[in-house]
PDB file of N, CA and C in Angstrom:
ATOM      1  N   MET A   1     -10.942  32.734 -47.715  1.00  0.00           N
ATOM      2  CA  MET A   1     -12.232  31.873 -47.891  1.00  0.00           C
ATOM      3  C   MET A   1     -12.971  32.729 -46.593  1.00  0.00           C
ATOM      4  N   PRO A   2     -14.428  32.632 -47.203  1.00  0.00           N
ATOM      5  CA  PRO A   2     -15.207  33.511 -45.991  1.00  0.00           C
ATOM      6  C   PRO A   2     -15.167  32.614 -45.068  1.00  0.00           C
ATOM      7  N   GLY A   3     -15.833  33.216 -43.622  1.00  0.00           N
ATOM      8  CA  GLY A   3     -15.923  32.073 -42.480  1.00  0.00           C
ATOM      9  C   GLY A   3     -17.271  31.823 -42.358  1.00  0.00           C
ATOM     10  N   LYS A   4     -17.806  30.874 -41.611  1.00  0.00           N
ATOM     11  CA  LYS A   4     -18.863  29.988 -41.749  1.00  0.00           C
ATOM     12  C   LYS A   4     -20.131  31.038 -41.766  1.00  0.00           C
ATOM     13  N   ASP A   5     -20.059  32.105 -41.196  1.00  0.00           N
ATOM     14  CA  ASP A   5     -20.991  33.302 -41.008  1.00  0.00           C
ATOM     15  C   ASP A   5     -21.212  33.909 -42.321  1.00  0.00           C
ATOM     16  N   GLU A   6     -20.132  34.266 -42.941  1.00  0.00           N
ATOM     17  CA  GLU A   6     -19.893  35.099 -44.238  1.00  0.00           C
ATOM     18  C   GLU A   6     -20.440  34.375 -45.587  1.00  0.00           C
ATOM     19  N   THR A   7     -21.077  35.186 -46.451  1.00  0.00           N
ATOM     20  CA  THR A   7     -21.111  34.501 -47.760  1.00  0.00           C
ATOM     21  C   THR A   7     -20.712  35.306 -48.876  1.00  0.00           C
ATOM     22  N   ILE A   8     -20.455  35.031 -50.092  1.00  0.00           N
ATOM     23  CA  ILE A   8     -20.146  35.636 -51.143  1.00  0.00           C
ATOM     24  C   ILE A   8     -21.087  35.850 -52.242  1.00  0.00           C
ATOM     25  N   ASP A   9     -21.309  37.270 -52.574  1.00  0.00           N
ATOM     26  CA  ASP A   9     -22.212  37.775 -53.513  1.00  0.00           C
ATOM     27  C   ASP A   9     -21.969  37.445 -54.670  1.00  0.00           C
ATOM     28  N   PHE A  10     -22.695  36.818 -55.337  1.00  0.00           N
ATOM     29  CA  PHE A  10     -22.320  36.414 -56.840  1.00  0.00           C
ATOM     30  C   PHE A  10     -23.554  36.966 -57.525  1.00  0.00           C
ATOM     31  N   THR A  11     -23.994  37.986 -57.155  1.00  0.00           N
ATOM     32  CA  THR A  11     -24.978  38.768 -58.162  1.00  0.00           C
ATOM     33  C   THR A  11     -24.448  39.383 -59.144  1.00  0.00           C
ATOM     34  N   VAL A  12     -24.739  39.066 -60.501  1.00  0.00           N
ATOM     35  CA  VAL A  12     -24.447  39.426 -61.551  1.00  0.00           C
ATOM     36  C   VAL A  12     -24.886  40.940 -62.056  1.00  0.00           C
ATOM     37  N   ASP A  13     -23.796  41.822 -62.551  1.00  0.00           N
ATOM     38  CA  ASP A  13     -24.148  43.196 -62.649  1.00  0.00           C
ATOM     39  C   ASP A  13     -24.703  43.516 -64.229  1.00  0.00           C
ATOM     40  N   GLN A  14     -26.047  43.069 -64.296  1.00  0.00           N
ATOM     41  CA  GLN A  14     -26.528  43.110 -65.596  1.00  0.00           C
ATOM     42  C   GLN A  14     -26.406  44.283 -66.517  1.00  0.00           C
ATOM     43  N   THR A  15     -25.773  45.553 -65.818  1.00  0.00           N
ATOM     44  CA  THR A  15     -25.980  46.553 -66.546  1.00  0.00           C
ATOM     45  C   THR A  15     -24.507  46.710 -67.039  1.00  0.00           C
ATOM     46  N   SER A  16     -23.704  45.777 -66.817  1.00  0.00           N
ATOM     47  CA  SER A  16     -22.203  45.778 -67.468  1.00  0.00           C
ATOM     48  C   SER A  16     -21.801  44.673 -68.117  1.00  0.00           C
ATOM     49  N   LEU A  17     -22.661  44.036 -69.017  1.00  0.00           N
ATOM     50  CA  LEU A  17     -22.291  42.774 -69.689  1.00  0.00           C
ATOM     51  C   LEU A  17     -21.605  42.928 -70.899  1.00  0.00           C
ATOM     52  N   TYR A  18     -21.025  42.099 -71.607  1.00  0.00           N
ATOM     53  CA  TYR A  18     -19.914  42.026 -72.503  1.00  0.00           C
ATOM     54  C   TYR A  18     -20.183  40.728 -73.256  1.00  0.00           C
ATOM     55  N   ARG A  19     -20.161  40.867 -74.463  1.00  0.00           N
ATOM     56  CA  ARG A  19     -20.056  39.217 -75.504  1.00  0.00           C
ATOM     57  C   ARG A  19     -18.442  39.567 -75.903  1.00  0.00           C
ATOM     58  N   GLU A  20     -17.578  38.464 -75.486  1.00  0.00           N
ATOM     59  CA  GLU A  20     -16.317  38.336 -75.974  1.00  0.00           C
ATOM     60  C   GLU A  20     -16.219  37.762 -77.161  1.00  0.00           C
ATOM     61  N   GLU A  21     -15.111  38.506 -77.977  1.00  0.00           N
ATOM     62  CA  GLU A  21     -14.748  37.773 -79.246  1.00  0.00           C
ATOM     63  C   GLU A  21     -13.269  37.891 -79.519  1.00  0.00           C
ATOM     64  N   ALA A  22     -12.655  36.455 -79.875  1.00  0.00           N
ATOM     65  CA  ALA A  22     -11.286  36.559 -79.963  1.00  0.00           C
ATOM     66  C   ALA A  22     -10.654  36.393 -81.485  1.00  0.00           C
ATOM     67  N   PHE A  23      -9.807  36.966 -81.366  1.00  0.00           N
ATOM     68  CA  PHE A  23      -8.912  37.173 -82.850  1.00  0.00           C
ATOM     69  C   PHE A  23      -7.102  37.165 -82.569  1.00  0.00           C
ATOM     70  N   THR A  24      -7.023  36.245 -83.488  1.00  0.00           N
ATOM     71  CA  THR A  24      -5.427  36.148 -83.342  1.00  0.00           C
ATOM     72  C   THR A  24      -4.635  35.737 -84.639  1.00  0.00           C
ATOM     73  N   ASP A  25      -3.208  36.048 -84.885  1.00  0.00           N
ATOM     74  CA  ASP A  25      -2.777  35.992 -85.926  1.00  0.00           C
ATOM     75  C   ASP A  25      -2.050  34.528 -85.745  1.00  0.00           C
ATOM     76  N   ILE A  26      -2.368  33.680 -84.692  1.00  0.00           N
ATOM     77  CA  ILE A  26      -1.596  32.522 -84.556  1.00  0.00           C
ATOM     78  C   ILE A  26      -0.116  32.327 -84.126  1.00  0.00           C
ATOM     79  N   GLN A  27       0.395  33.495 -84.221  1.00  0.00           N
ATOM     80  CA  GLN A  27       2.099  33.824 -83.790  1.00  0.00           C
ATOM     81  C   GLN A  27       2.430  34.553 -83.029  1.00  0.00           C
ATOM     82  N   VAL A  28       1.795  35.720 -82.625  1.00  0.00           N
ATOM     83  CA  VAL A  28       2.050  36.700 -81.640  1.00  0.00           C
ATOM     84  C   VAL A  28       0.985  37.127 -81.175  1.00  0.00           C
ATOM     85  N   ALA A  29       0.249  37.573 -81.730  1.00  0.00           N
ATOM     86  CA  ALA A  29      -0.946  38.425 -81.133  1.00  0.00           C
ATOM     87  C   ALA A  29      -2.054  37.818 -80.765  1.00  0.00           C
ATOM     88  N   SER A  30      -2.773  38.081 -79.700  1.00  0.00           N
ATOM     89  CA  SER A  30      -4.324  37.935 -79.620  1.00  0.00           C
ATOM     90  C   SER A  30      -4.880  38.828 -78.968  1.00  0.00           C
ATOM     91  N   VAL A  31      -6.125  39.552 -79.602  1.00  0.00           N
ATOM     92  CA  VAL A  31      -6.998  40.331 -78.996  1.00  0.00           C
ATOM     93  C   VAL A  31      -8.318  40.006 -79.150  1.00  0.00           C
ATOM     94  N   ARG A  32      -8.833  40.473 -77.885  1.00  0.00           N
ATOM     95  CA  ARG A  32     -10.181  40.012 -77.329  1.00  0.00           C
ATOM     96  C   ARG A  32     -10.874  41.501 -77.705  1.00  0.00           C
ATOM     97  N   ARG A  33     -11.981  41.257 -78.007  1.00  0.00           N
ATOM     98  CA  ARG A  33     -12.875  42.490 -78.183  1.00  0.00           C
ATOM     99  C   ARG A  33     -14.279  42.105 -77.413  1.00  0.00           C
ATOM    100  N   LEU A  34     -14.379  43.047 -76.527  1.00  0.00           N
ATOM    101  CA  LEU A  34     -15.613  42.810 -75.290  1.00  0.00           C
ATOM    102  C   LEU A  34     -16.666  44.011 -75.812  1.00  0.00           C
ATOM    103  N   VAL A  35     -17.704  43.130 -76.563  1.00  0.00           N
ATOM    104  CA  VAL A  35     -18.881  44.196 -76.990  1.00  0.00           C
ATOM    105  C   VAL A  35     -19.572  44.198 -75.994  1.00  0.00           C
ATOM    106  N   PRO A  36     -20.240  45.583 -75.590  1.00  0.00           N
ATOM    107  CA  PRO A  36     -21.164  45.579 -74.770  1.00  0.00           C
ATOM    108  C   PRO A  36     -22.353  45.173 -75.053  1.00  0.00           C
ATOM    109  N   VAL A  37     -23.344  44.591 -74.194  1.00  0.00           N
ATOM    110  CA  VAL A  37     -24.727  43.847 -74.323  1.00  0.00           C
ATOM    111  C   VAL A  37     -25.586  44.197 -73.156  1.00  0.00           C
ATOM    112  N   PHE A  38     -26.720  44.086 -73.719  1.00  0.00           N
ATOM    113  CA  PHE A  38     -27.952  44.336 -72.652  1.00  0.00           C
ATOM    114  C   PHE A  38     -27.866  42.829 -72.134  1.00  0.00           C
ATOM    115  N   ALA A  39     -28.977  42.788 -71.149  1.00  0.00           N
ATOM    116  CA  ALA A  39     -28.936  41.398 -70.481  1.00  0.00           C
ATOM    117  C   ALA A  39     -29.595  40.444 -71.488  1.00  0.00           C
ATOM    118  N   ASN A  40     -30.318  40.907 -72.470  1.00  0.00           N
ATOM    119  CA  ASN A  40     -30.983  39.891 -73.383  1.00  0.00           C
ATOM    120  C   ASN A  40     -29.985  39.288 -74.213  1.00  0.00           C
ATOM    121  N   GLY A  41     -28.606  39.979 -74.484  1.00  0.00           N
ATOM    122  CA  GLY A  41     -27.554  39.679 -75.395  1.00  0.00           C
ATOM    123  C   GLY A  41     -27.397  40.678 -76.477  1.00  0.00           C
ATOM    124  N   LYS A  42     -28.621  41.448 -76.657  1.00  0.00           N
ATOM    125  CA  LYS A  42     -28.327  42.567 -77.977  1.00  0.00           C
ATOM    126  C   LYS A  42     -27.332  43.381 -77.481  1.00  0.00           C
ATOM    127  N   GLU A  43     -26.514  43.989 -78.477  1.00  0.00           N
ATOM    128  CA  GLU A  43     -25.779  44.825 -78.909  1.00  0.00           C
ATOM    129  C   GLU A  43     -26.097  46.099 -77.791  1.00  0.00           C
ATOM    130  N   ASP A  44     -24.996  46.610 -77.115  1.00  0.00           N
ATOM    131  CA  ASP A  44     -25.512  47.995 -76.244  1.00  0.00           C
ATOM    132  C   ASP A  44     -24.781  49.085 -77.107  1.00  0.00           C
ATOM    133  N   THR A  45     -25.033  49.694 -77.779  1.00  0.00           N
ATOM    134  CA  THR A  45     -24.581  50.745 -78.731  1.00  0.00           C
ATOM    135  C   THR A  45     -24.212  51.900 -78.061  1.00  0.00           C
ATOM    136  N   SER A  46     -24.894  52.192 -76.854  1.00  0.00           N
ATOM    137  CA  SER A  46     -24.543  53.286 -76.213  1.00  0.00           C
ATOM    138  C   SER A  46     -23.389  53.199 -75.563  1.00  0.00           C
ATOM    139  N   ARG A  47     -22.670  51.967 -75.510  1.00  0.00           N
ATOM    140  CA  ARG A  47     -21.276  51.815 -74.787  1.00  0.00           C
ATOM    141  C   ARG A  47     -20.356  51.628 -75.937  1.00  0.00           C
ATOM    142  N   SER A  48     -19.188  51.906 -75.790  1.00  0.00           N
ATOM    143  CA  SER A  48     -17.761  51.598 -76.649  1.00  0.00           C
ATOM    144  C   SER A  48     -17.342  50.217 -76.258  1.00  0.00           C
ATOM    145  N   PRO A  49     -16.819  49.367 -77.267  1.00  0.00           N
ATOM    146  CA  PRO A  49     -16.176  48.130 -76.901  1.00  0.00           C
ATOM    147  C   PRO A  49     -14.971  48.480 -76.265  1.00  0.00           C
ATOM    148  N   ILE A  50     -14.498  47.212 -75.830  1.00  0.00           N
ATOM    149  CA  ILE A  50     -13.110  47.250 -75.196  1.00  0.00           C
ATOM    150  C   ILE A  50     -12.300  46.259 -75.702  1.00  0.00           C
ATOM    151  N   PHE A  51     -10.994  46.605 -76.334  1.00  0.00           N
ATOM    152  CA  PHE A  51     -10.217  45.661 -76.736  1.00  0.00           C
ATOM    153  C   PHE A  51      -8.913  45.496 -75.741  1.00  0.00           C
ATOM    154  N   ILE A  52      -8.752  44.176 -75.554  1.00  0.00           N
ATOM    155  CA  ILE A  52      -7.359  43.548 -74.739  1.00  0.00           C
ATOM    156  C   ILE A  52      -6.531  42.934 -75.611  1.00  0.00           C
ATOM    157  N   GLY A  53      -5.327  43.358 -75.665  1.00  0.00           N
ATOM    158  CA  GLY A  53      -4.297  42.493 -76.115  1.00  0.00           C
ATOM    159  C   GLY A  53      -3.653  41.655 -75.266  1.00  0.00           C
ATOM    160  N   SER A  54      -3.040  40.550 -75.955  1.00  0.00           N
ATOM    161  CA  SER A  54      -2.259  39.663 -75.045  1.00  0.00           C
ATOM    162  C   SER A  54      -1.338  38.711 -76.128  1.00  0.00           C
ATOM    163  N   THR A  55      -0.265  38.324 -75.215  1.00  0.00           N
ATOM    164  CA  THR A  55       0.680  37.437 -75.629  1.00  0.00           C
ATOM    165  C   THR A  55       1.725  36.884 -74.802  1.00  0.00           C
ATOM    166  N   GLN A  56       2.495  36.124 -75.072  1.00  0.00           N
ATOM    167  CA  GLN A  56       3.447  35.586 -74.066  1.00  0.00           C
ATOM    168  C   GLN A  56       4.956  35.513 -74.394  1.00  0.00           C
ATOM    169  N   LEU A  57       5.554  35.686 -73.800  1.00  0.00           N
ATOM    170  CA  LEU A  57       7.013  35.650 -73.819  1.00  0.00           C
ATOM    171  C   LEU A  57       7.614  34.088 -73.109  1.00  0.00           C
ATOM    172  N   MET A  58       8.467  33.789 -73.860  1.00  0.00           N
ATOM    173  CA  MET A  58       9.090  32.332 -72.992  1.00  0.00           C
ATOM    174  C   MET A  58      10.343  32.924 -72.447  1.00  0.00           C
ATOM    175  N   SER A  59      10.539  32.180 -71.235  1.00  0.00           N
ATOM    176  CA  SER A  59      11.418  32.339 -70.174  1.00  0.00           C
ATOM    177  C   SER A  59      11.816  31.237 -69.853  1.00  0.00           C
ATOM    178  N   PRO A  60      13.027  30.889 -69.165  1.00  0.00           N
ATOM    179  CA  PRO A  60      13.503  29.968 -68.892  1.00  0.00           C
ATOM    180  C   PRO A  60      12.793  28.995 -67.673  1.00  0.00           C
ATOM    181  N   GLN A  61      11.996  29.886 -66.986  1.00  0.00           N
ATOM    182  CA  GLN A  61      10.694  28.933 -66.387  1.00  0.00           C
ATOM    183  C   GLN A  61       9.433  28.878 -66.714  1.00  0.00           C
ATOM    184  N   GLY A  62       9.469  29.148 -67.954  1.00  0.00           N
ATOM    185  CA  GLY A  62       8.174  28.984 -68.826  1.00  0.00           C
ATOM    186  C   GLY A  62       7.641  30.165 -69.342  1.00  0.00           C
ATOM    187  N   PRO A  63       6.556  29.965 -70.134  1.00  0.00           N
ATOM    188  CA  PRO A  63       5.882  31.317 -70.742  1.00  0.00           C
ATOM    189  C   PRO A  63       5.203  32.497 -69.732  1.00  0.00           C
ATOM    190  N   LEU A  64       5.562  33.575 -70.123  1.00  0.00           N
ATOM    191  CA  LEU A  64       5.150  34.624 -69.119  1.00  0.00           C
ATOM    192  C   LEU A  64       4.222  35.519 -70.018  1.00  0.00           C
ATOM    193  N   PRO A  65       2.882  35.535 -69.323  1.00  0.00           N
ATOM    194  CA  PRO A  65       1.485  36.132 -70.032  1.00  0.00           C
ATOM    195  C   PRO A  65       1.706  37.753 -70.015  1.00  0.00           C
ATOM    196  N   LEU A  66       1.723  38.324 -71.134  1.00  0.00           N
ATOM    197  CA  LEU A  66       1.461  39.917 -71.248  1.00  0.00           C
ATOM    198  C   LEU A  66       0.360  40.348 -71.555  1.00  0.00           C
ATOM    199  N   GLN A  67      -0.547  41.252 -70.762  1.00  0.00           N
ATOM    200  CA  GLN A  67      -1.932  41.553 -71.318  1.00  0.00           C
ATOM    201  C   GLN A  67      -1.761  43.275 -70.848  1.00  0.00           C
ATOM    202  N   ALA A  68      -2.563  43.887 -72.371  1.00  0.00           N
ATOM    203  CA  ALA A  68      -2.791  45.241 -71.971  1.00  0.00           C
ATOM    204  C   ALA A  68      -4.208  45.477 -72.515  1.00  0.00           C
ATOM    205  N   LYS A  69      -4.702  46.527 -72.023  1.00  0.00           N
ATOM    206  CA  LYS A  69      -5.931  47.414 -72.476  1.00  0.00           C
ATOM    207  C   LYS A  69      -5.348  47.971 -73.718  1.00  0.00           C
ATOM    208  N   LEU A  70      -6.109  47.850 -74.999  1.00  0.00           N
ATOM    209  CA  LEU A  70      -5.781  48.720 -76.238  1.00  0.00           C
ATOM    210  C   LEU A  70      -6.497  49.909 -76.500  1.00  0.00           C
ATOM    211  N   GLN A  71      -5.866  50.953 -76.478  1.00  0.00           N
ATOM    212  CA  GLN A  71      -6.740  52.152 -76.781  1.00  0.00           C
ATOM    213  C   GLN A  71      -7.003  52.264 -78.023  1.00  0.00           C
ATOM    214  N   ALA A  72      -7.971  51.683 -78.457  1.00  0.00           N
ATOM    215  CA  ALA A  72      -8.481  51.516 -79.583  1.00  0.00           C
ATOM    216  C   ALA A  72     -10.374  51.404 -79.956  1.00  0.00           C
ATOM    217  N   ASN A  73     -10.590  52.201 -81.104  1.00  0.00           N
ATOM    218  CA  ASN A  73     -12.114  52.389 -81.371  1.00  0.00           C
ATOM    219  C   ASN A  73     -12.575  50.932 -81.874  1.00  0.00           C
ATOM    220  N   ASN A  74     -11.820  50.479 -82.779  1.00  0.00           N
ATOM    221  CA  ASN A  74     -11.859  49.529 -83.499  1.00  0.00           C
ATOM    222  C   ASN A  74     -10.793  48.511 -83.723  1.00  0.00           C
ATOM    223  N   LEU A  75     -11.055  47.402 -84.467  1.00  0.00           N
ATOM    224  CA  LEU A  75     -10.074  46.124 -84.738  1.00  0.00           C
ATOM    225  C   LEU A  75      -9.033  46.712 -85.292  1.00  0.00           C
ATOM    226  N   ILE A  76      -9.012  47.220 -86.205  1.00  0.00           N
ATOM    227  CA  ILE A  76      -7.819  47.845 -87.130  1.00  0.00           C
ATOM    228  C   ILE A  76      -7.000  48.686 -86.368  1.00  0.00           C
ATOM    229  N   GLU A  77      -7.523  49.360 -85.591  1.00  0.00           N
ATOM    230  CA  GLU A  77      -6.866  50.600 -84.640  1.00  0.00           C
ATOM    231  C   GLU A  77      -5.815  49.245 -83.687  1.00  0.00           C
ATOM    232  N   ALA A  78      -6.740  48.525 -83.097  1.00  0.00           N
ATOM    233  CA  ALA A  78      -6.360  47.618 -82.189  1.00  0.00           C
ATOM    234  C   ALA A  78      -4.923  46.631 -82.443  1.00  0.00           C
ATOM    235  N   TRP A  79      -4.863  46.299 -83.854  1.00  0.00           N
ATOM    236  CA  TRP A  79      -3.916  45.851 -84.427  1.00  0.00           C
ATOM    237  C   TRP A  79      -2.659  46.627 -84.542  1.00  0.00           C
ATOM    238  N   ASP A  80      -3.108  47.969 -84.840  1.00  0.00           N
ATOM    239  CA  ASP A  80      -1.968  49.044 -84.687  1.00  0.00           C
ATOM    240  C   ASP A  80      -1.388  49.449 -83.456  1.00  0.00           C
ATOM    241  N   VAL A  81      -2.101  49.494 -82.444  1.00  0.00           N
ATOM    242  CA  VAL A  81      -1.576  49.890 -81.176  1.00  0.00           C
ATOM    243  C   VAL A  81      -0.690  48.774 -80.354  1.00  0.00           C
ATOM    244  N   PHE A  82      -1.384  47.281 -80.880  1.00  0.00           N
ATOM    245  CA  PHE A  82      -0.781  46.166 -80.229  1.00  0.00           C
ATOM    246  C   PHE A  82       0.526  46.447 -79.856  1.00  0.00           C
ATOM    247  N   PRO A  83       1.543  46.707 -80.933  1.00  0.00           N
ATOM    248  CA  PRO A  83       3.053  46.324 -80.419  1.00  0.00           C
ATOM    249  C   PRO A  83       3.739  47.327 -79.392  1.00  0.00           C
ATOM    250  N   LYS A  84       3.153  48.388 -79.207  1.00  0.00           N
ATOM    251  CA  LYS A  84       3.464  49.266 -78.493  1.00  0.00           C
ATOM    252  C   LYS A  84       2.841  49.250 -77.074  1.00  0.00           C
ATOM    253  N   ALA A  85       1.671  48.607 -76.986  1.00  0.00           N
ATOM    254  CA  ALA A  85       1.052  48.231 -75.614  1.00  0.00           C
ATOM    255  C   ALA A  85       1.795  47.225 -75.131  1.00  0.00           C
ATOM    256  N   MET A  86       2.280  45.947 -76.006  1.00  0.00           N
ATOM    257  CA  MET A  86       2.856  44.959 -75.464  1.00  0.00           C
ATOM    258  C   MET A  86       4.249  45.423 -74.896  1.00  0.00           C
ATOM    259  N   GLN A  87       4.759  46.266 -75.575  1.00  0.00           N
ATOM    260  CA  GLN A  87       6.248  46.948 -75.154  1.00  0.00           C
ATOM    261  C   GLN A  87       6.339  47.442 -73.858  1.00  0.00           C
ATOM    262  N   LYS A  88       4.808  48.385 -73.633  1.00  0.00           N
ATOM    263  CA  LYS A  88       4.794  49.170 -72.303  1.00  0.00           C
ATOM    264  C   LYS A  88       4.293  47.976 -71.433  1.00  0.00           C
ATOM    265  N   ALA A  89       3.654  46.892 -71.388  1.00  0.00           N
ATOM    266  CA  ALA A  89       3.648  46.234 -70.554  1.00  0.00           C
ATOM    267  C   ALA A  89       4.683  45.132 -70.121  1.00  0.00           C
ATOM    268  N   MET A  90       5.491  44.722 -71.262  1.00  0.00           N
ATOM    269  CA  MET A  90       6.547  44.227 -70.956  1.00  0.00           C
ATOM    270  C   MET A  90       7.661  45.378 -70.071  1.00  0.00           C
ATOM    271  N   ALA A  91       7.823  46.270 -70.269  1.00  0.00           N
ATOM    272  CA  ALA A  91       8.646  47.001 -69.371  1.00  0.00           C
ATOM    273  C   ALA A  91       8.016  47.225 -68.129  1.00  0.00           C
ATOM    274  N   GLU A  92       6.826  47.183 -68.018  1.00  0.00           N
ATOM    275  CA  GLU A  92       6.202  47.774 -66.728  1.00  0.00           C
ATOM    276  C   GLU A  92       6.315  46.295 -65.546  1.00  0.00           C
ATOM    277  N   MET A  93       6.224  45.244 -66.359  1.00  0.00           N
ATOM    278  CA  MET A  93       6.674  43.893 -65.956  1.00  0.00           C
ATOM    279  C   MET A  93       8.022  43.629 -65.638  1.00  0.00           C
ATOM    280  N   VAL A  94       8.764  43.821 -65.833  1.00  0.00           N
ATOM    281  CA  VAL A  94      10.265  44.128 -65.904  1.00  0.00           C
ATOM    282  C   VAL A  94      10.675  44.956 -64.716  1.00  0.00           C
ATOM    283  N   LYS A  95      10.041  45.764 -64.968  1.00  0.00           N
ATOM    284  CA  LYS A  95      10.323  47.241 -63.383  1.00  0.00           C
ATOM    285  C   LYS A  95       9.607  46.631 -61.943  1.00  0.00           C
ATOM    286  N   GLU A  96       8.546  45.855 -62.584  1.00  0.00           N
ATOM    287  CA  GLU A  96       7.704  45.046 -61.237  1.00  0.00           C
ATOM    288  C   GLU A  96       8.864  43.872 -60.488  1.00  0.00           C
ATOM    289  N   LEU A  97       9.114  43.326 -61.405  1.00  0.00           N
ATOM    290  CA  LEU A  97      10.430  42.097 -61.192  1.00  0.00           C
ATOM    291  C   LEU A  97      11.310  42.468 -60.545  1.00  0.00           C
ATOM    292  N   GLU A  98      11.819  43.651 -61.025  1.00  0.00           N
ATOM    293  CA  GLU A  98      13.035  44.383 -60.627  1.00  0.00           C
ATOM    294  C   GLU A  98      13.100  44.804 -58.920  1.00  0.00           C
ATOM    295  N   LYS A  99      11.589  45.309 -58.790  1.00  0.00           N
ATOM    296  CA  LYS A  99      11.151  45.693 -57.417  1.00  0.00           C
ATOM    297  C   LYS A  99      11.153  44.567 -56.554  1.00  0.00           C
ATOM    298  N   ILE A 100      10.453  43.390 -57.117  1.00  0.00           N
ATOM    299  CA  ILE A 100      10.521  42.247 -55.925  1.00  0.00           C
ATOM    300  C   ILE A 100      11.556  41.755 -55.964  1.00  0.00           C
ATOM    301  N   ASN A 101      12.638  41.896 -56.651  1.00  0.00           N
ATOM    302  CA  ASN A 101      14.046  41.105 -56.326  1.00  0.00           C
ATOM    303  C   ASN A 101      14.838  41.829 -55.320  1.00  0.00           C
ATOM    304  N   ALA A 102      14.378  43.451 -55.320  1.00  0.00           N
ATOM    305  CA  ALA A 102      15.408  43.996 -54.594  1.00  0.00           C
ATOM    306  C   ALA A 102      15.126  44.038 -53.436  1.00  0.00           C
ATOM    307  N   GLU A 103      13.227  43.648 -53.280  1.00  0.00           N
ATOM    308  CA  GLU A 103      12.884  43.673 -51.588  1.00  0.00           C
ATOM    309  C   GLU A 103      13.178  42.552 -51.295  1.00  0.00           C
ATOM    310  N   GLN A 104      13.401  41.251 -52.138  1.00  0.00           N
ATOM    311  CA  GLN A 104      13.774  40.160 -51.450  1.00  0.00           C
ATOM    312  C   GLN A 104      14.951  40.196 -51.193  1.00  0.00           C
ATOM    313  N   LYS A 105      15.962  40.789 -51.693  1.00  0.00           N
ATOM    314  CA  LYS A 105      17.381  40.710 -51.647  1.00  0.00           C
ATOM    315  C   LYS A 105      17.429  41.653 -50.163  1.00  0.00           C
ATOM    316  N   LYS A 106      16.910  42.520 -50.186  1.00  0.00           N
ATOM    317  CA  LYS A 106      16.879  43.360 -48.719  1.00  0.00           C
ATOM    318  C   LYS A 106      16.475  42.601 -47.625  1.00  0.00           C
ATOM    319  N   GLU A 107      15.438  41.903 -47.731  1.00  0.00           N
ATOM    320  CA  GLU A 107      14.944  41.048 -46.727  1.00  0.00           C
ATOM    321  C   GLU A 107      16.001  39.795 -46.253  1.00  0.00           C
ATOM    322  N   GLU A 108      16.398  39.303 -47.354  1.00  0.00           N
ATOM    323  CA  GLU A 108      17.763  38.356 -47.025  1.00  0.00           C
ATOM    324  C   GLU A 108      18.988  39.052 -46.385  1.00  0.00           C
ATOM    325  N   GLU A 109      19.386  40.155 -46.616  1.00  0.00           N
ATOM    326  CA  GLU A 109      20.330  40.822 -45.879  1.00  0.00           C
ATOM    327  C   GLU A 109      20.138  41.416 -44.457  1.00  0.00           C
ATOM    328  N   GLU A 110      18.606  41.585 -44.272  1.00  0.00           N
ATOM    329  CA  GLU A 110      18.302  42.111 -42.732  1.00  0.00           C
ATOM    330  C   GLU A 110      18.107  40.779 -42.154  1.00  0.00           C
ATOM    331  N   SER A 111      17.849  39.672 -42.607  1.00  0.00           N
ATOM    332  CA  SER A 111      17.654  38.550 -41.815  1.00  0.00           C
ATOM    333  C   SER A 111      19.093  37.852 -41.434  1.00  0.00           C
ATOM    334  N   ARG A 112      20.223  38.131 -41.727  1.00  0.00           N
ATOM    335  CA  ARG A 112      21.303  37.325 -41.621  1.00  0.00           C
ATOM    336  C   ARG A 112      21.663  37.596 -40.433  1.00  0.00           C
ATOM    337  N   ILE A 113      22.126  36.189 -39.909  1.00  0.00           N
ATOM    338  CA  ILE A 113      23.031  36.088 -38.299  1.00  0.00           C
ATOM    339  C   ILE A 113      24.032  36.761 -38.411  1.00  0.00           C
ATOM    340  N   ILE A 114      24.264  37.746 -37.614  1.00  0.00           N
ATOM    341  CA  ILE A 114      25.434  38.493 -37.262  1.00  0.00           C
ATOM    342  C   ILE A 114      26.110  37.528 -35.887  1.00  0.00           C
ATOM    343  N   VAL A 115      27.433  37.042 -36.203  1.00  0.00           N
ATOM    344  CA  VAL A 115      28.056  36.341 -35.246  1.00  0.00           C
ATOM    345  C   VAL A 115      28.887  37.211 -34.771  1.00  0.00           C
ATOM    346  N   PRO A 116      29.302  37.494 -33.421  1.00  0.00           N
ATOM    347  CA  PRO A 116      30.169  38.518 -33.005  1.00  0.00           C
ATOM    348  C   PRO A 116      31.745  37.960 -33.385  1.00  0.00           C
ATOM    349  N   GLY A 117      32.388  38.667 -33.602  1.00  0.00           N
ATOM    350  CA  GLY A 117      33.854  38.361 -33.851  1.00  0.00           C
ATOM    351  C   GLY A 117      34.089  38.007 -35.219  1.00  0.00           C
ATOM    352  N   SER A 118      33.225  37.917 -36.172  1.00  0.00           N
ATOM    353  CA  SER A 118      33.362  37.200 -37.455  1.00  0.00           C
ATOM    354  C   SER A 118      33.483  38.536 -38.458  1.00  0.00           C
TER     355      SER A 118
END
């Protein structure tokens, strides 16, 4: 939270606007296509669209969201690269969770109280 003398800059970067479109198979995959637009809403063909894939995994703690930028030039390519992108995102998430667990375990071990003679 900013202090009483600080302000948050809510200025919109009107040179970096996108229209968002969503596509899904209603089972596993969701792909968002971000189409570049000008401030007036007309498509900016000088910039390439961005594709973002997402899905979720069920865990005992509830759903875990997975998201990754898809290296694609069109929607067909986005569907083709979706499985590998989600596999990579899942592997990165598992690696990060293992790192966090190892750090927590280390902190717990370092904070133990050692009683002399025990």
